[in-house]
Amino acid sequence: MDCTCDSCCSGYATPTHFPDDCMKEWDQKACEFKVVKKSDPSISCPIFGAVGK
């Protein structure tokens, strides 16, 4: 992860393949995408593929 105190650079992966009942969300604090259930964002989903660093 390549971050400064106030921003992130493009050193993160973007999820591209995950279950249909899930969605990706940007986590600004962690500077990464999280993949969670659409019906319950507290439940994480598996990521089968991603692009980027």
N, C-alpha and C. Protein backbone atom coordinates (compact mmCIF):
# COMPACT_ATOMS: atom_id res chain seq x y z
N MET A 1 0.86 -1.17 0.00
CA MET A 1 0.00 0.00 0.00
C MET A 1 0.90 1.23 0.00
N ASP A 2 0.65 2.13 -0.91
CA ASP A 2 1.43 3.36 -1.02
C ASP A 2 0.55 4.54 -0.65
N CYS A 3 0.65 4.98 0.59
CA CYS A 3 -0.20 6.08 1.06
C CYS A 3 0.64 7.16 1.73
N THR A 4 0.08 8.35 1.75
CA THR A 4 0.63 9.44 2.53
C THR A 4 -0.40 9.73 3.62
N CYS A 5 -0.17 10.76 4.37
CA CYS A 5 -1.10 11.08 5.45
C CYS A 5 -2.48 11.49 4.96
N ASP A 6 -2.57 11.97 3.72
CA ASP A 6 -3.87 12.47 3.27
C ASP A 6 -4.39 11.83 1.98
N SER A 7 -3.65 10.91 1.38
CA SER A 7 -4.14 10.32 0.14
C SER A 7 -3.45 9.00 -0.17
N CYS A 8 -3.96 8.32 -1.17
CA CYS A 8 -3.39 7.06 -1.63
C CYS A 8 -2.97 7.23 -3.08
N CYS A 9 -1.97 6.47 -3.49
CA CYS A 9 -1.65 6.45 -4.91
C CYS A 9 -2.34 5.23 -5.52
N SER A 10 -1.97 4.88 -6.73
CA SER A 10 -2.66 3.79 -7.42
C SER A 10 -2.08 2.43 -7.07
N GLY A 11 -1.48 2.27 -5.92
CA GLY A 11 -0.89 1.01 -5.52
C GLY A 11 -1.88 0.08 -4.86
N TYR A 12 -3.01 -0.15 -5.48
CA TYR A 12 -4.02 -1.04 -4.92
C TYR A 12 -4.63 -1.88 -6.03
N ALA A 13 -5.23 -3.00 -5.67
CA ALA A 13 -5.89 -3.88 -6.64
C ALA A 13 -7.39 -3.58 -6.65
N THR A 14 -7.99 -3.70 -7.83
CA THR A 14 -9.43 -3.51 -7.99
C THR A 14 -10.08 -4.87 -8.23
N PRO A 15 -10.95 -5.32 -7.33
CA PRO A 15 -11.61 -6.62 -7.52
C PRO A 15 -12.44 -6.64 -8.80
N THR A 16 -12.32 -7.73 -9.56
CA THR A 16 -13.06 -7.86 -10.81
C THR A 16 -13.97 -9.08 -10.83
N HIS A 17 -13.66 -10.10 -10.06
CA HIS A 17 -14.45 -11.33 -10.04
C HIS A 17 -14.79 -11.70 -8.60
N PHE A 18 -16.06 -11.59 -8.28
CA PHE A 18 -16.57 -11.94 -6.95
C PHE A 18 -18.03 -12.34 -7.11
N PRO A 19 -18.64 -12.98 -6.11
CA PRO A 19 -20.02 -13.46 -6.24
C PRO A 19 -21.01 -12.33 -6.59
N ASP A 20 -22.07 -12.69 -7.32
CA ASP A 20 -23.07 -11.71 -7.76
C ASP A 20 -23.82 -11.05 -6.62
N ASP A 21 -23.91 -11.71 -5.47
CA ASP A 21 -24.63 -11.12 -4.34
C ASP A 21 -23.72 -10.24 -3.49
N CYS A 22 -22.55 -9.89 -4.03
CA CYS A 22 -21.60 -9.04 -3.32
C CYS A 22 -21.31 -7.78 -4.12
N MET A 23 -20.68 -6.81 -3.46
CA MET A 23 -20.32 -5.55 -4.12
C MET A 23 -18.97 -5.09 -3.58
N LYS A 24 -18.27 -4.28 -4.37
CA LYS A 24 -17.00 -3.73 -3.89
C LYS A 24 -17.25 -2.35 -3.33
N GLU A 25 -16.54 -2.03 -2.26
CA GLU A 25 -16.62 -0.72 -1.60
C GLU A 25 -15.20 -0.23 -1.36
N TRP A 26 -14.98 1.06 -1.57
CA TRP A 26 -13.67 1.65 -1.31
C TRP A 26 -13.55 1.99 0.17
N ASP A 27 -12.49 1.50 0.81
CA ASP A 27 -12.19 1.80 2.21
C ASP A 27 -11.10 2.86 2.23
N GLN A 28 -11.47 4.10 2.46
CA GLN A 28 -10.53 5.23 2.41
C GLN A 28 -9.43 5.10 3.46
N LYS A 29 -9.76 4.61 4.64
CA LYS A 29 -8.75 4.49 5.69
C LYS A 29 -7.71 3.43 5.36
N ALA A 30 -8.15 2.31 4.80
CA ALA A 30 -7.22 1.22 4.48
C ALA A 30 -6.62 1.36 3.08
N CYS A 31 -7.11 2.30 2.28
CA CYS A 31 -6.68 2.50 0.90
C CYS A 31 -6.80 1.22 0.08
N GLU A 32 -7.95 0.56 0.20
CA GLU A 32 -8.19 -0.66 -0.56
C GLU A 32 -9.68 -0.90 -0.74
N PHE A 33 -10.00 -1.73 -1.73
CA PHE A 33 -11.38 -2.13 -1.92
C PHE A 33 -11.71 -3.29 -1.00
N LYS A 34 -12.89 -3.30 -0.46
CA LYS A 34 -13.43 -4.42 0.31
C LYS A 34 -14.58 -4.98 -0.51
N VAL A 35 -14.77 -6.29 -0.49
CA VAL A 35 -15.90 -6.91 -1.17
C VAL A 35 -16.79 -7.51 -0.09
N VAL A 36 -18.05 -7.04 -0.07
CA VAL A 36 -18.99 -7.40 1.00
C VAL A 36 -20.34 -7.81 0.41
N LYS A 37 -21.14 -8.49 1.22
CA LYS A 37 -22.49 -8.88 0.82
C LYS A 37 -23.34 -7.63 0.61
N LYS A 38 -24.14 -7.62 -0.45
CA LYS A 38 -25.04 -6.49 -0.71
C LYS A 38 -26.09 -6.39 0.39
N SER A 39 -26.56 -7.53 0.87
CA SER A 39 -27.63 -7.55 1.87
C SER A 39 -27.12 -7.29 3.28
N ASP A 40 -25.81 -7.47 3.52
CA ASP A 40 -25.24 -7.27 4.85
C ASP A 40 -23.76 -6.89 4.71
N PRO A 41 -23.45 -5.60 4.61
CA PRO A 41 -22.07 -5.16 4.40
C PRO A 41 -21.09 -5.54 5.51
N SER A 42 -21.55 -6.12 6.59
CA SER A 42 -20.63 -6.57 7.62
C SER A 42 -20.03 -7.94 7.30
N ILE A 43 -20.53 -8.59 6.23
CA ILE A 43 -20.04 -9.91 5.83
C ILE A 43 -19.14 -9.77 4.60
N SER A 44 -17.90 -10.23 4.72
CA SER A 44 -16.95 -10.18 3.61
C SER A 44 -17.24 -11.29 2.61
N CYS A 45 -16.86 -11.05 1.36
CA CYS A 45 -17.02 -12.03 0.28
C CYS A 45 -15.65 -12.41 -0.27
N PRO A 46 -15.55 -13.59 -0.89
CA PRO A 46 -14.28 -13.97 -1.51
C PRO A 46 -14.05 -13.18 -2.80
N ILE A 47 -12.80 -12.95 -3.11
CA ILE A 47 -12.41 -12.28 -4.35
C ILE A 47 -11.67 -13.31 -5.20
N PHE A 48 -12.16 -13.55 -6.42
CA PHE A 48 -11.58 -14.56 -7.29
C PHE A 48 -10.62 -13.97 -8.31
N GLY A 49 -10.64 -12.66 -8.51
CA GLY A 49 -9.74 -12.01 -9.45
C GLY A 49 -9.71 -10.52 -9.23
N ALA A 50 -8.55 -9.91 -9.54
CA ALA A 50 -8.40 -8.47 -9.37
C ALA A 50 -7.37 -7.96 -10.38
N VAL A 51 -7.42 -6.67 -10.65
CA VAL A 51 -6.43 -6.03 -11.52
C VAL A 51 -5.74 -4.92 -10.76
N GLY A 52 -4.52 -4.63 -11.13
CA GLY A 52 -3.76 -3.59 -10.46
C GLY A 52 -2.65 -4.19 -9.63
N LYS A 53 -2.10 -3.39 -8.76
CA LYS A 53 -0.96 -3.83 -7.94
C LYS A 53 -1.39 -4.63 -6.76
